[in-house]
Each structure stands twice: as C-alpha cells, then as structure tokens.
Amino acid sequence: MINKIVILFFTLYISNGICGVSVLGTRFLINDNMRHLNIKLVNDNESDYLIKSTLDDKDFIISPPLFLLPKNSSNIITVVPKEKKRYSEDKIINLTLTAIPKSASNNDANAVSLAVRNHFKIIYRHTELKNSDFEQLSISQENNKCMINNNSDFVFTISLSKKSEDPYIKLMNIAPHEKKPVEDEYLNPNCEGWANFHNEYNDIIKTIKIANKQKGI
C-alpha cells in the first residue's frame, strides 16, 4: 500500500507556541534605527518541523521563508525592510508562522501531518513616542456601545480596567486613527475607566484615565 500524507491546517491564536515549536516573544517592534529584526524559534520536541514564514506587508521581507527546524534545535528568522523609507505613521505587520511536523512512516496506515498556523504582530514604530501622544486615546459611546478611538499616528497595545490598580485582563492592539468597540465589562458606567499602555514585553509603560467626552451631550 502506498502511504498518503494528508496535510490538515488548523488556525490557532496562541501567544508564543506552535505545537512543539516555541517563539521567543508574543509581539515584536521594529523602527527606523533597526536594520533588521531577529525572531528566535525553538523546537524542543522530538520531531522535525518544516517552518513556513510569511508577512502581509510588501515593504518588508522575511528570511528564510521556508526551512527545516530539526528536533531539539533553534533557528532565527529575520525581518528586513526592502529599502530605507520614512513613514508618516506606525503600522501593524502580520507575521504568519506555519509548522508542519515530520510524519513517522507506517506501512499499515496513512500518515497524517497536522500543520499548525499561528499569527504574531510586528509593530513598525515610525518615530519616538511622546507623553502627549498617549493623550490622543479617547473613548466614546455610539449606539449604546463603548468605542475606543486612537487619534494618534501610533500603534498602541492597551488593556482597559475600571480602576488604575486593577490588573489587566485582555490586551488589544489599536492602529493609528482606528476606532473599535470594547467590552463594557472592562469599563465603568458611561464608558469610563483606565487605559494601560504596554510595550512589546507586555510591561505597562503608562496608565491614563479615559473619560467619555460625549457624556452629557
């Protein structure tokens, strides 16, 4: 019998793991002063993996786009701008990593490989943040729904809480000039609360109070 190899794809949103492959980081930052960004992958499993890496931004390339990651080994993928250019605002680059494990040969059954696809965010920072940039985050209420508004030229990774000392519950990325709905459970009545700003290591770098400026209109 000739074995058939069936590739099944599953899309998983995991912070820093792909099957037996670990990615050192959950979110990455690149700026004009960096010639490249290195991202380390570690395979601590007892199986070899074929790794495919892709970006959704044509201004950047990734190398190597396809490689074998042997068991109990590590490798580096590198993100490089195609050319030196200045952007007027931040951008979010989506990195997709697909890991296909090597299938064991079996003469009596078909071999099945489970390909797991995982997604990561790379934030391109166009210039240095100032304190005044954080104040460009605001909140509003539309159709009884709380909306977070980013009026700045920066990508922010934030969490929302009812009190300044509350631990953050859920992180979200908000792009320049983006508006998105948020869960009411993270805010006080009238869509008021605190916004915690996080760096690429998820540390809180600043906390501000955000109020619904439309209240009373």
N, C-alpha and C. Protein backbone atom coordinates (compact mmCIF):
# COMPACT_ATOMS: atom_id res chain seq x y z
N MET A 1 0.85 -1.18 0.00
CA MET A 1 0.00 0.00 0.00
C MET A 1 0.89 1.24 0.00
N ILE A 2 0.52 2.21 -0.82
CA ILE A 2 1.27 3.46 -0.86
C ILE A 2 0.69 4.42 0.16
N ASN A 3 1.52 4.86 1.06
CA ASN A 3 1.04 5.79 2.09
C ASN A 3 0.68 7.13 1.50
N LYS A 4 -0.35 7.71 1.99
CA LYS A 4 -0.75 9.05 1.61
C LYS A 4 -0.46 10.00 2.77
N ILE A 5 0.08 11.14 2.46
CA ILE A 5 0.33 12.14 3.50
C ILE A 5 -0.74 13.21 3.40
N VAL A 6 -1.53 13.35 4.42
CA VAL A 6 -2.62 14.31 4.43
C VAL A 6 -2.21 15.49 5.30
N ILE A 7 -2.24 16.69 4.73
CA ILE A 7 -1.88 17.88 5.48
C ILE A 7 -3.15 18.58 5.93
N LEU A 8 -3.36 18.68 7.21
CA LEU A 8 -4.52 19.36 7.77
C LEU A 8 -4.07 20.67 8.40
N PHE A 9 -4.76 21.77 8.08
CA PHE A 9 -4.38 23.07 8.60
C PHE A 9 -5.36 23.50 9.69
N PHE A 10 -4.81 23.94 10.81
CA PHE A 10 -5.60 24.50 11.89
C PHE A 10 -5.07 25.89 12.20
N THR A 11 -5.95 26.85 12.33
CA THR A 11 -5.53 28.19 12.69
C THR A 11 -5.72 28.38 14.18
N LEU A 12 -4.63 28.60 14.89
CA LEU A 12 -4.65 28.77 16.33
C LEU A 12 -4.10 30.12 16.71
N TYR A 13 -4.69 30.76 17.69
CA TYR A 13 -4.20 32.04 18.17
C TYR A 13 -3.61 31.82 19.55
N ILE A 14 -2.34 31.41 19.56
CA ILE A 14 -1.62 31.10 20.78
C ILE A 14 -0.54 32.15 20.96
N SER A 15 -0.27 32.52 22.19
CA SER A 15 0.63 33.65 22.42
C SER A 15 2.03 33.41 21.89
N ASN A 16 2.62 32.26 22.19
CA ASN A 16 4.01 32.10 21.79
C ASN A 16 4.41 30.65 21.53
N GLY A 17 3.45 29.81 21.14
CA GLY A 17 3.80 28.43 20.85
C GLY A 17 3.10 27.89 19.62
N ILE A 18 3.81 27.06 18.84
CA ILE A 18 3.22 26.39 17.68
C ILE A 18 3.55 24.91 17.83
N CYS A 19 2.57 24.11 18.29
CA CYS A 19 2.85 22.69 18.55
C CYS A 19 4.06 22.59 19.47
N GLY A 20 5.12 21.90 19.01
CA GLY A 20 6.32 21.77 19.81
C GLY A 20 7.33 22.85 19.56
N VAL A 21 6.95 23.85 18.76
CA VAL A 21 7.85 24.95 18.43
C VAL A 21 7.47 26.17 19.25
N SER A 22 8.45 26.75 19.93
CA SER A 22 8.22 27.96 20.73
C SER A 22 8.81 29.17 20.02
N VAL A 23 8.08 30.29 20.08
CA VAL A 23 8.55 31.56 19.53
C VAL A 23 8.88 32.46 20.71
N LEU A 24 10.10 32.98 20.74
CA LEU A 24 10.53 33.79 21.88
C LEU A 24 10.02 35.22 21.72
N GLY A 25 8.79 35.43 22.18
CA GLY A 25 8.14 36.73 22.09
C GLY A 25 6.69 36.55 21.70
N THR A 26 5.88 37.51 22.07
CA THR A 26 4.47 37.48 21.68
C THR A 26 4.12 38.61 20.71
N ARG A 27 4.95 39.65 20.73
CA ARG A 27 4.72 40.82 19.87
C ARG A 27 6.08 41.47 19.67
N PHE A 28 6.31 42.03 18.50
CA PHE A 28 7.65 42.49 18.16
C PHE A 28 7.61 43.93 17.66
N LEU A 29 8.73 44.64 17.84
CA LEU A 29 8.82 46.05 17.49
C LEU A 29 10.02 46.28 16.59
N ILE A 30 9.82 47.05 15.52
CA ILE A 30 10.91 47.45 14.64
C ILE A 30 10.76 48.93 14.34
N ASN A 31 11.89 49.65 14.18
CA ASN A 31 11.82 51.08 13.90
C ASN A 31 12.89 51.46 12.89
N ASP A 32 12.97 52.75 12.58
CA ASP A 32 13.88 53.25 11.55
C ASP A 32 15.35 53.05 11.92
N ASN A 33 15.65 52.93 13.19
CA ASN A 33 17.04 52.79 13.62
C ASN A 33 17.53 51.34 13.57
N MET A 34 16.62 50.41 13.27
CA MET A 34 16.97 48.99 13.22
C MET A 34 17.10 48.54 11.77
N ARG A 35 18.21 47.92 11.46
CA ARG A 35 18.43 47.41 10.10
C ARG A 35 17.65 46.11 9.87
N HIS A 36 17.33 45.41 10.97
CA HIS A 36 16.58 44.17 10.84
C HIS A 36 16.02 43.79 12.22
N LEU A 37 15.11 42.86 12.21
CA LEU A 37 14.51 42.32 13.44
C LEU A 37 14.70 40.81 13.42
N ASN A 38 15.31 40.27 14.46
CA ASN A 38 15.50 38.82 14.58
C ASN A 38 14.46 38.23 15.52
N ILE A 39 13.87 37.10 15.11
CA ILE A 39 12.89 36.39 15.91
C ILE A 39 13.36 34.94 16.04
N LYS A 40 13.48 34.48 17.27
CA LYS A 40 14.03 33.14 17.52
C LYS A 40 12.92 32.11 17.69
N LEU A 41 13.09 30.97 17.01
CA LEU A 41 12.20 29.82 17.14
C LEU A 41 12.98 28.67 17.75
N VAL A 42 12.34 27.96 18.68
CA VAL A 42 12.99 26.84 19.37
C VAL A 42 12.10 25.60 19.22
N ASN A 43 12.69 24.53 18.75
CA ASN A 43 11.99 23.25 18.65
C ASN A 43 12.50 22.33 19.75
N ASP A 44 11.73 22.19 20.82
CA ASP A 44 12.13 21.32 21.93
C ASP A 44 11.35 20.00 21.91
N ASN A 45 10.80 19.69 20.73
CA ASN A 45 10.04 18.46 20.56
C ASN A 45 10.95 17.38 19.97
N GLU A 46 10.46 16.14 19.98
CA GLU A 46 11.22 15.03 19.40
C GLU A 46 10.81 14.77 17.96
N SER A 47 10.45 15.82 17.26
CA SER A 47 10.07 15.71 15.86
C SER A 47 10.64 16.89 15.09
N ASP A 48 11.04 16.65 13.85
CA ASP A 48 11.46 17.75 12.99
C ASP A 48 10.23 18.50 12.48
N TYR A 49 10.39 19.81 12.25
CA TYR A 49 9.28 20.61 11.73
C TYR A 49 9.73 21.38 10.49
N LEU A 50 8.84 21.44 9.52
CA LEU A 50 9.03 22.33 8.38
C LEU A 50 8.33 23.64 8.72
N ILE A 51 9.08 24.74 8.69
CA ILE A 51 8.55 26.04 9.09
C ILE A 51 8.40 26.94 7.86
N LYS A 52 7.21 27.50 7.71
CA LYS A 52 6.96 28.47 6.66
C LYS A 52 6.61 29.80 7.32
N SER A 53 7.28 30.89 6.91
CA SER A 53 7.03 32.21 7.50
C SER A 53 6.65 33.19 6.40
N THR A 54 5.60 33.97 6.64
CA THR A 54 5.13 34.95 5.67
C THR A 54 4.74 36.25 6.36
N LEU A 55 4.86 37.36 5.64
CA LEU A 55 4.43 38.68 6.09
C LEU A 55 3.35 39.20 5.15
N ASP A 56 2.48 40.06 5.68
CA ASP A 56 1.43 40.62 4.83
C ASP A 56 1.77 42.03 4.34
N ASP A 57 3.02 42.46 4.50
CA ASP A 57 3.45 43.80 4.10
C ASP A 57 4.58 43.68 3.08
N LYS A 58 4.37 44.20 1.88
CA LYS A 58 5.34 44.06 0.80
C LYS A 58 6.56 44.96 0.97
N ASP A 59 6.53 45.88 1.94
CA ASP A 59 7.70 46.73 2.20
C ASP A 59 8.76 46.02 3.02
N PHE A 60 8.45 44.81 3.50
CA PHE A 60 9.38 44.05 4.33
C PHE A 60 9.51 42.64 3.78
N ILE A 61 10.69 42.05 3.95
CA ILE A 61 10.90 40.66 3.57
C ILE A 61 11.30 39.86 4.79
N ILE A 62 11.10 38.55 4.70
CA ILE A 62 11.46 37.67 5.81
C ILE A 62 12.37 36.56 5.29
N SER A 63 13.37 36.24 6.07
CA SER A 63 14.35 35.24 5.64
C SER A 63 14.74 34.37 6.84
N PRO A 64 14.75 33.04 6.65
CA PRO A 64 14.32 32.31 5.45
C PRO A 64 12.80 32.13 5.45
N PRO A 65 12.17 32.13 4.28
CA PRO A 65 10.72 31.96 4.25
C PRO A 65 10.28 30.51 4.48
N LEU A 66 11.20 29.55 4.20
CA LEU A 66 10.88 28.14 4.37
C LEU A 66 12.15 27.40 4.80
N PHE A 67 12.07 26.66 5.89
CA PHE A 67 13.25 25.94 6.36
C PHE A 67 12.84 24.78 7.26
N LEU A 68 13.76 23.83 7.41
CA LEU A 68 13.55 22.70 8.31
C LEU A 68 14.14 23.03 9.67
N LEU A 69 13.33 22.85 10.70
CA LEU A 69 13.79 23.06 12.08
C LEU A 69 13.89 21.69 12.76
N PRO A 70 15.10 21.13 12.83
CA PRO A 70 15.26 19.79 13.40
C PRO A 70 14.86 19.76 14.88
N LYS A 71 14.62 18.55 15.37
CA LYS A 71 14.24 18.39 16.77
C LYS A 71 15.38 18.87 17.68
N ASN A 72 14.99 19.43 18.83
CA ASN A 72 15.94 19.92 19.83
C ASN A 72 16.94 20.91 19.24
N SER A 73 16.43 21.85 18.46
CA SER A 73 17.29 22.86 17.86
C SER A 73 16.55 24.20 17.82
N SER A 74 17.24 25.24 17.37
CA SER A 74 16.64 26.56 17.25
C SER A 74 17.12 27.22 15.96
N ASN A 75 16.41 28.26 15.56
CA ASN A 75 16.81 29.00 14.36
C ASN A 75 16.26 30.42 14.47
N ILE A 76 16.81 31.30 13.66
CA ILE A 76 16.41 32.70 13.65
C ILE A 76 15.76 33.03 12.31
N ILE A 77 14.61 33.70 12.35
CA ILE A 77 14.05 34.30 11.15
C ILE A 77 14.26 35.82 11.27
N THR A 78 14.54 36.46 10.16
CA THR A 78 14.91 37.87 10.16
C THR A 78 13.96 38.67 9.28
N VAL A 79 13.45 39.76 9.83
CA VAL A 79 12.58 40.68 9.10
C VAL A 79 13.42 41.89 8.71
N VAL A 80 13.42 42.22 7.41
CA VAL A 80 14.27 43.28 6.90
C VAL A 80 13.44 44.22 6.02
N PRO A 81 13.54 45.54 6.21
CA PRO A 81 12.89 46.47 5.28
C PRO A 81 13.53 46.35 3.89
N LYS A 82 12.71 46.40 2.85
CA LYS A 82 13.26 46.30 1.49
C LYS A 82 14.13 47.50 1.15
N GLU A 83 13.76 48.67 1.64
CA GLU A 83 14.52 49.88 1.39
C GLU A 83 14.30 50.85 2.52
N LYS A 84 15.21 51.79 2.66
CA LYS A 84 15.12 52.78 3.72
C LYS A 84 14.08 53.82 3.33
N LYS A 85 13.01 53.91 4.07
CA LYS A 85 12.00 54.92 3.78
C LYS A 85 11.38 55.40 5.08
N ARG A 86 10.83 56.57 5.04
CA ARG A 86 10.18 57.16 6.20
C ARG A 86 8.66 57.05 6.05
N TYR A 87 8.02 56.60 7.12
CA TYR A 87 6.57 56.52 7.13
C TYR A 87 6.03 57.63 8.02
N SER A 88 4.84 58.09 7.71
CA SER A 88 4.24 59.19 8.47
C SER A 88 3.50 58.70 9.71
N GLU A 89 3.31 57.38 9.83
CA GLU A 89 2.63 56.82 10.99
C GLU A 89 3.06 55.37 11.19
N ASP A 90 2.73 54.84 12.36
CA ASP A 90 3.03 53.45 12.66
C ASP A 90 2.20 52.52 11.76
N LYS A 91 2.61 51.27 11.73
CA LYS A 91 1.82 50.26 11.04
C LYS A 91 1.94 48.93 11.76
N ILE A 92 0.95 48.07 11.55
CA ILE A 92 0.95 46.71 12.09
C ILE A 92 1.25 45.75 10.94
N ILE A 93 2.29 44.94 11.12
CA ILE A 93 2.67 43.93 10.14
C ILE A 93 2.29 42.57 10.72
N ASN A 94 1.56 41.79 9.96
CA ASN A 94 1.13 40.48 10.44
C ASN A 94 2.11 39.40 9.98
N LEU A 95 2.64 38.68 10.95
CA LEU A 95 3.55 37.57 10.70
C LEU A 95 2.80 36.26 10.91
N THR A 96 2.84 35.38 9.90
CA THR A 96 2.21 34.06 10.00
C THR A 96 3.28 32.99 9.95
N LEU A 97 3.28 32.12 10.95
CA LEU A 97 4.21 31.00 11.01
C LEU A 97 3.43 29.70 10.95
N THR A 98 3.81 28.84 10.02
CA THR A 98 3.15 27.55 9.86
C THR A 98 4.18 26.45 10.13
N ALA A 99 3.83 25.53 11.02
CA ALA A 99 4.73 24.43 11.40
C ALA A 99 4.10 23.10 11.00
N ILE A 100 4.83 22.32 10.20
CA ILE A 100 4.36 21.01 9.76
C ILE A 100 5.32 19.96 10.33
N PRO A 101 4.84 19.09 11.23
CA PRO A 101 5.74 18.09 11.81
C PRO A 101 6.02 16.96 10.84
N LYS A 102 7.19 16.36 10.96
CA LYS A 102 7.55 15.21 10.15
C LYS A 102 6.73 14.01 10.60
N SER A 103 6.15 13.29 9.63
CA SER A 103 5.32 12.13 9.95
C SER A 103 6.15 10.86 9.98
N ALA A 104 5.86 10.02 10.94
CA ALA A 104 6.54 8.73 11.01
C ALA A 104 5.99 7.79 9.94
N SER A 105 6.87 7.02 9.34
CA SER A 105 6.45 6.09 8.29
C SER A 105 5.73 4.91 8.91
N ASN A 106 4.63 4.53 8.29
CA ASN A 106 3.83 3.41 8.79
C ASN A 106 3.27 2.66 7.58
N ASN A 107 3.67 1.41 7.41
CA ASN A 107 3.26 0.65 6.24
C ASN A 107 1.81 0.21 6.30
N ASP A 108 1.20 0.25 7.45
CA ASP A 108 -0.15 -0.26 7.59
C ASP A 108 -1.21 0.82 7.65
N ALA A 109 -0.80 2.07 7.72
CA ALA A 109 -1.79 3.15 7.84
C ALA A 109 -1.26 4.38 7.15
N ASN A 110 -2.19 5.24 6.81
CA ASN A 110 -1.80 6.51 6.22
C ASN A 110 -1.13 7.39 7.27
N ALA A 111 -0.17 8.17 6.84
CA ALA A 111 0.50 9.10 7.74
C ALA A 111 -0.19 10.45 7.65
N VAL A 112 -0.42 11.06 8.79
CA VAL A 112 -1.12 12.34 8.83
C VAL A 112 -0.23 13.38 9.50
N SER A 113 -0.04 14.51 8.85
CA SER A 113 0.69 15.63 9.45
C SER A 113 -0.28 16.75 9.76
N LEU A 114 -0.20 17.28 10.95
CA LEU A 114 -1.06 18.39 11.35
C LEU A 114 -0.27 19.68 11.25
N ALA A 115 -0.64 20.51 10.31
CA ALA A 115 0.05 21.79 10.12
C ALA A 115 -0.65 22.84 10.96
N VAL A 116 0.08 23.47 11.86
CA VAL A 116 -0.50 24.46 12.76
C VAL A 116 -0.02 25.85 12.35
N ARG A 117 -0.96 26.74 12.17
CA ARG A 117 -0.65 28.10 11.73
C ARG A 117 -0.89 29.05 12.90
N ASN A 118 0.06 29.93 13.14
CA ASN A 118 -0.03 30.87 14.25
C ASN A 118 0.29 32.27 13.76
N HIS A 119 -0.29 33.28 14.42
CA HIS A 119 -0.18 34.66 13.96
C HIS A 119 0.44 35.55 15.03
N PHE A 120 1.35 36.42 14.60
CA PHE A 120 2.03 37.34 15.50
C PHE A 120 1.97 38.75 14.91
N LYS A 121 2.07 39.74 15.78
CA LYS A 121 2.05 41.14 15.36
C LYS A 121 3.47 41.72 15.45
N ILE A 122 3.86 42.40 14.37
CA ILE A 122 5.09 43.20 14.38
C ILE A 122 4.66 44.65 14.24
N ILE A 123 5.06 45.48 15.17
CA ILE A 123 4.69 46.90 15.15
C ILE A 123 5.85 47.69 14.60
N TYR A 124 5.61 48.40 13.51
CA TYR A 124 6.62 49.32 12.99
C TYR A 124 6.40 50.68 13.64
N ARG A 125 7.41 51.18 14.36
CA ARG A 125 7.33 52.46 15.07
C ARG A 125 8.03 53.53 14.23
N HIS A 126 7.25 54.50 13.74
CA HIS A 126 7.80 55.47 12.78
C HIS A 126 8.64 56.56 13.43
N THR A 127 8.40 56.84 14.71
CA THR A 127 9.19 57.82 15.45
C THR A 127 8.99 57.57 16.94
N GLU A 128 9.73 58.28 17.76
CA GLU A 128 9.67 58.06 19.21
C GLU A 128 8.38 58.61 19.79
N LEU A 129 7.81 57.86 20.73
CA LEU A 129 6.60 58.30 21.42
C LEU A 129 6.89 59.43 22.38
N LYS A 130 5.94 60.38 22.46
CA LYS A 130 5.99 61.45 23.46
C LYS A 130 4.80 61.30 24.39
N ASN A 131 4.88 61.92 25.55
CA ASN A 131 3.79 61.82 26.52
C ASN A 131 2.47 62.31 25.94
N SER A 132 2.54 63.33 25.12
CA SER A 132 1.31 63.89 24.55
C SER A 132 0.62 62.92 23.60
N ASP A 133 1.38 61.96 23.04
CA ASP A 133 0.78 61.00 22.10
C ASP A 133 -0.20 60.07 22.81
N PHE A 134 0.10 59.73 24.06
CA PHE A 134 -0.80 58.85 24.80
C PHE A 134 -2.16 59.51 25.03
N GLU A 135 -2.15 60.82 25.14
CA GLU A 135 -3.40 61.55 25.41
C GLU A 135 -4.33 61.57 24.21
N GLN A 136 -3.85 61.07 23.07
CA GLN A 136 -4.69 61.04 21.87
C GLN A 136 -5.67 59.86 21.86
N LEU A 137 -5.58 59.02 22.89
CA LEU A 137 -6.54 57.92 23.02
C LEU A 137 -7.77 58.42 23.75
N SER A 138 -8.94 58.17 23.19
CA SER A 138 -10.19 58.64 23.81
C SER A 138 -11.25 57.56 23.70
N ILE A 139 -12.37 57.82 24.34
CA ILE A 139 -13.45 56.85 24.32
C ILE A 139 -14.77 57.58 24.05
N SER A 140 -15.67 56.90 23.39
CA SER A 140 -16.97 57.48 23.09
C SER A 140 -18.02 56.38 23.19
N GLN A 141 -19.27 56.80 23.09
CA GLN A 141 -20.37 55.85 23.16
C GLN A 141 -21.25 56.04 21.94
N GLU A 142 -21.40 54.97 21.18
CA GLU A 142 -22.19 55.01 19.96
C GLU A 142 -23.16 53.84 19.95
N ASN A 143 -24.45 54.16 19.83
CA ASN A 143 -25.48 53.12 19.82
C ASN A 143 -25.36 52.19 21.03
N ASN A 144 -25.16 52.82 22.18
CA ASN A 144 -25.04 52.11 23.46
C ASN A 144 -23.84 51.16 23.50
N LYS A 145 -22.84 51.44 22.70
CA LYS A 145 -21.62 50.65 22.67
C LYS A 145 -20.42 51.53 22.93
N CYS A 146 -19.51 51.07 23.80
CA CYS A 146 -18.30 51.84 24.07
C CYS A 146 -17.30 51.64 22.92
N MET A 147 -16.75 52.75 22.45
CA MET A 147 -15.80 52.72 21.33
C MET A 147 -14.50 53.38 21.77
N ILE A 148 -13.37 52.69 21.54
CA ILE A 148 -12.07 53.27 21.83
C ILE A 148 -11.54 53.90 20.55
N ASN A 149 -11.02 55.13 20.65
CA ASN A 149 -10.60 55.89 19.48
C ASN A 149 -9.11 56.23 19.61
N ASN A 150 -8.34 55.89 18.60
CA ASN A 150 -6.93 56.24 18.56
C ASN A 150 -6.75 57.38 17.57
N ASN A 151 -6.60 58.58 18.08
CA ASN A 151 -6.48 59.77 17.23
C ASN A 151 -5.03 60.12 16.92
N SER A 152 -4.10 59.22 17.26
CA SER A 152 -2.68 59.48 17.08
C SER A 152 -2.15 58.78 15.82
N ASP A 153 -0.85 58.96 15.55
CA ASP A 153 -0.18 58.28 14.44
C ASP A 153 0.56 57.03 14.90
N PHE A 154 0.22 56.53 16.10
CA PHE A 154 0.95 55.41 16.69
C PHE A 154 0.06 54.20 16.90
N VAL A 155 0.68 53.03 16.83
CA VAL A 155 0.02 51.80 17.25
C VAL A 155 0.17 51.68 18.75
N PHE A 156 -0.93 51.42 19.44
CA PHE A 156 -0.89 51.21 20.88
C PHE A 156 -1.34 49.80 21.21
N THR A 157 -0.67 49.18 22.18
CA THR A 157 -1.14 47.94 22.77
C THR A 157 -1.64 48.29 24.15
N ILE A 158 -2.92 48.10 24.37
CA ILE A 158 -3.54 48.59 25.60
C ILE A 158 -4.36 47.49 26.28
N SER A 159 -4.64 47.73 27.54
CA SER A 159 -5.66 47.00 28.27
C SER A 159 -6.50 48.03 29.00
N LEU A 160 -7.75 47.71 29.23
CA LEU A 160 -8.68 48.62 29.89
C LEU A 160 -9.09 48.05 31.23
N SER A 161 -9.27 48.91 32.21
CA SER A 161 -9.68 48.47 33.53
C SER A 161 -10.54 49.54 34.19
N LYS A 162 -11.35 49.11 35.15
CA LYS A 162 -12.25 50.04 35.84
C LYS A 162 -11.51 50.91 36.84
N LYS A 163 -10.40 50.38 37.39
CA LYS A 163 -9.60 51.12 38.36
C LYS A 163 -8.14 51.09 37.92
N SER A 164 -7.39 52.10 38.31
CA SER A 164 -6.00 52.19 37.87
C SER A 164 -5.15 51.06 38.41
N GLU A 165 -5.50 50.53 39.58
CA GLU A 165 -4.68 49.47 40.18
C GLU A 165 -5.15 48.08 39.76
N ASP A 166 -6.22 47.98 38.99
CA ASP A 166 -6.70 46.67 38.55
C ASP A 166 -5.69 46.02 37.61
N PRO A 167 -5.47 44.69 37.75
CA PRO A 167 -4.60 44.01 36.79
C PRO A 167 -5.26 43.95 35.42
N TYR A 168 -4.46 44.04 34.38
CA TYR A 168 -5.05 44.00 33.05
C TYR A 168 -5.57 42.61 32.76
N ILE A 169 -6.62 42.57 31.98
CA ILE A 169 -7.28 41.30 31.68
C ILE A 169 -7.04 40.88 30.23
N LYS A 170 -7.25 41.80 29.33
CA LYS A 170 -7.17 41.47 27.91
C LYS A 170 -6.42 42.57 27.17
N LEU A 171 -5.40 42.16 26.39
CA LEU A 171 -4.64 43.11 25.60
C LEU A 171 -5.26 43.26 24.22
N MET A 172 -5.16 44.47 23.67
CA MET A 172 -5.61 44.71 22.30
C MET A 172 -4.67 45.68 21.62
N ASN A 173 -4.53 45.52 20.32
CA ASN A 173 -3.77 46.47 19.51
C ASN A 173 -4.74 47.39 18.80
N ILE A 174 -4.41 48.67 18.78
CA ILE A 174 -5.25 49.63 18.07
C ILE A 174 -4.35 50.46 17.17
N ALA A 175 -4.67 50.45 15.87
CA ALA A 175 -3.84 51.08 14.86
C ALA A 175 -4.07 52.59 14.83
N PRO A 176 -3.20 53.34 14.16
CA PRO A 176 -3.40 54.80 14.05
C PRO A 176 -4.75 55.13 13.45
N HIS A 177 -5.46 56.05 14.11
CA HIS A 177 -6.75 56.57 13.65
C HIS A 177 -7.82 55.48 13.53
N GLU A 178 -7.64 54.41 14.30
CA GLU A 178 -8.62 53.32 14.30
C GLU A 178 -9.63 53.54 15.42
N LYS A 179 -10.84 53.07 15.17
CA LYS A 179 -11.90 53.08 16.18
C LYS A 179 -12.43 51.66 16.27
N LYS A 180 -12.54 51.14 17.50
CA LYS A 180 -13.05 49.78 17.63
C LYS A 180 -13.88 49.66 18.91
N PRO A 181 -14.86 48.76 18.91
CA PRO A 181 -15.69 48.56 20.11
C PRO A 181 -14.91 47.82 21.18
N VAL A 182 -15.27 48.06 22.44
CA VAL A 182 -14.65 47.37 23.57
C VAL A 182 -15.75 46.81 24.47
N GLU A 183 -15.38 45.81 25.22
CA GLU A 183 -16.34 45.17 26.12
C GLU A 183 -16.66 46.10 27.29
N ASP A 184 -17.96 46.23 27.59
CA ASP A 184 -18.39 47.11 28.67
C ASP A 184 -17.88 46.64 30.03
N GLU A 185 -17.59 45.35 30.17
CA GLU A 185 -17.20 44.81 31.47
C GLU A 185 -15.87 45.37 31.95
N TYR A 186 -15.05 45.92 31.03
CA TYR A 186 -13.75 46.46 31.41
C TYR A 186 -13.83 47.93 31.79
N LEU A 187 -15.03 48.53 31.72
CA LEU A 187 -15.18 49.96 31.97
C LEU A 187 -16.29 50.22 32.97
N ASN A 188 -16.26 51.41 33.56
CA ASN A 188 -17.33 51.84 34.45
C ASN A 188 -18.52 52.32 33.62
N PRO A 189 -19.67 52.57 34.26
CA PRO A 189 -20.80 53.12 33.52
C PRO A 189 -20.40 54.41 32.78
N ASN A 190 -21.08 54.68 31.70
CA ASN A 190 -20.79 55.83 30.83
C ASN A 190 -19.45 55.68 30.11
N CYS A 191 -18.98 54.43 30.01
CA CYS A 191 -17.75 54.14 29.24
C CYS A 191 -16.54 54.90 29.78
N GLU A 192 -16.31 54.84 31.07
CA GLU A 192 -15.16 55.48 31.67
C GLU A 192 -14.28 54.45 32.37
N GLY A 193 -12.99 54.73 32.42
CA GLY A 193 -12.08 53.80 33.07
C GLY A 193 -10.64 54.23 32.89
N TRP A 194 -9.74 53.24 32.88
CA TRP A 194 -8.30 53.49 32.77
C TRP A 194 -7.74 52.70 31.61
N ALA A 195 -6.82 53.32 30.88
CA ALA A 195 -6.12 52.64 29.78
C ALA A 195 -4.68 52.41 30.19
N ASN A 196 -4.25 51.17 30.12
CA ASN A 196 -2.86 50.81 30.41
C ASN A 196 -2.15 50.56 29.08
N PHE A 197 -1.02 51.21 28.87
CA PHE A 197 -0.25 51.06 27.65
C PHE A 197 0.90 50.08 27.91
N HIS A 198 1.07 49.11 26.99
CA HIS A 198 2.05 48.05 27.17
C HIS A 198 3.12 48.11 26.08
N ASN A 199 4.35 47.73 26.45
CA ASN A 199 5.40 47.63 25.45
C ASN A 199 5.39 46.22 24.84
N GLU A 200 6.41 45.90 24.01
CA GLU A 200 6.41 44.60 23.34
C GLU A 200 6.64 43.44 24.29
N TYR A 201 7.05 43.73 25.53
CA TYR A 201 7.24 42.69 26.53
C TYR A 201 6.02 42.57 27.45
N ASN A 202 4.96 43.32 27.13
CA ASN A 202 3.70 43.35 27.89
C ASN A 202 3.80 44.09 29.22
N ASP A 203 4.93 44.77 29.47
CA ASP A 203 5.04 45.61 30.66
C ASP A 203 4.21 46.88 30.47
N ILE A 204 3.60 47.35 31.55
CA ILE A 204 2.85 48.61 31.49
C ILE A 204 3.84 49.78 31.55
N ILE A 205 3.78 50.64 30.53
CA ILE A 205 4.69 51.78 30.48
C ILE A 205 3.99 53.09 30.84
N LYS A 206 2.65 53.08 30.80
CA LYS A 206 1.91 54.29 31.17
C LYS A 206 0.45 53.93 31.40
N THR A 207 -0.18 54.65 32.32
CA THR A 207 -1.60 54.47 32.60
C THR A 207 -2.26 55.85 32.63
N ILE A 208 -3.35 55.99 31.90
CA ILE A 208 -4.09 57.26 31.90
C ILE A 208 -5.57 56.98 32.13
N LYS A 209 -6.24 57.98 32.67
CA LYS A 209 -7.69 57.88 32.83
C LYS A 209 -8.36 58.34 31.55
N ILE A 210 -9.33 57.58 31.10
CA ILE A 210 -10.06 57.96 29.89
C ILE A 210 -11.52 58.15 30.25
N ALA A 211 -12.07 59.25 29.82
CA ALA A 211 -13.46 59.60 30.11
C ALA A 211 -14.22 59.74 28.81
N ASN A 212 -15.51 59.48 28.91
CA ASN A 212 -16.39 59.64 27.76
C ASN A 212 -16.66 61.13 27.56
N LYS A 213 -16.03 61.71 26.55
CA LYS A 213 -16.17 63.14 26.30
C LYS A 213 -17.56 63.52 25.77
N GLN A 214 -18.30 62.50 25.35
CA GLN A 214 -19.64 62.76 24.84
C GLN A 214 -20.69 62.75 25.95
N LYS A 215 -20.26 62.39 27.16
CA LYS A 215 -21.22 62.31 28.27
C LYS A 215 -21.87 63.66 28.50
N GLY A 216 -23.16 63.61 28.57
CA GLY A 216 -23.89 64.84 28.81
C GLY A 216 -24.27 65.61 27.57
N ILE A 217 -23.79 65.11 26.37
CA ILE A 217 -24.16 65.79 25.12
C ILE A 217 -25.57 65.42 24.75
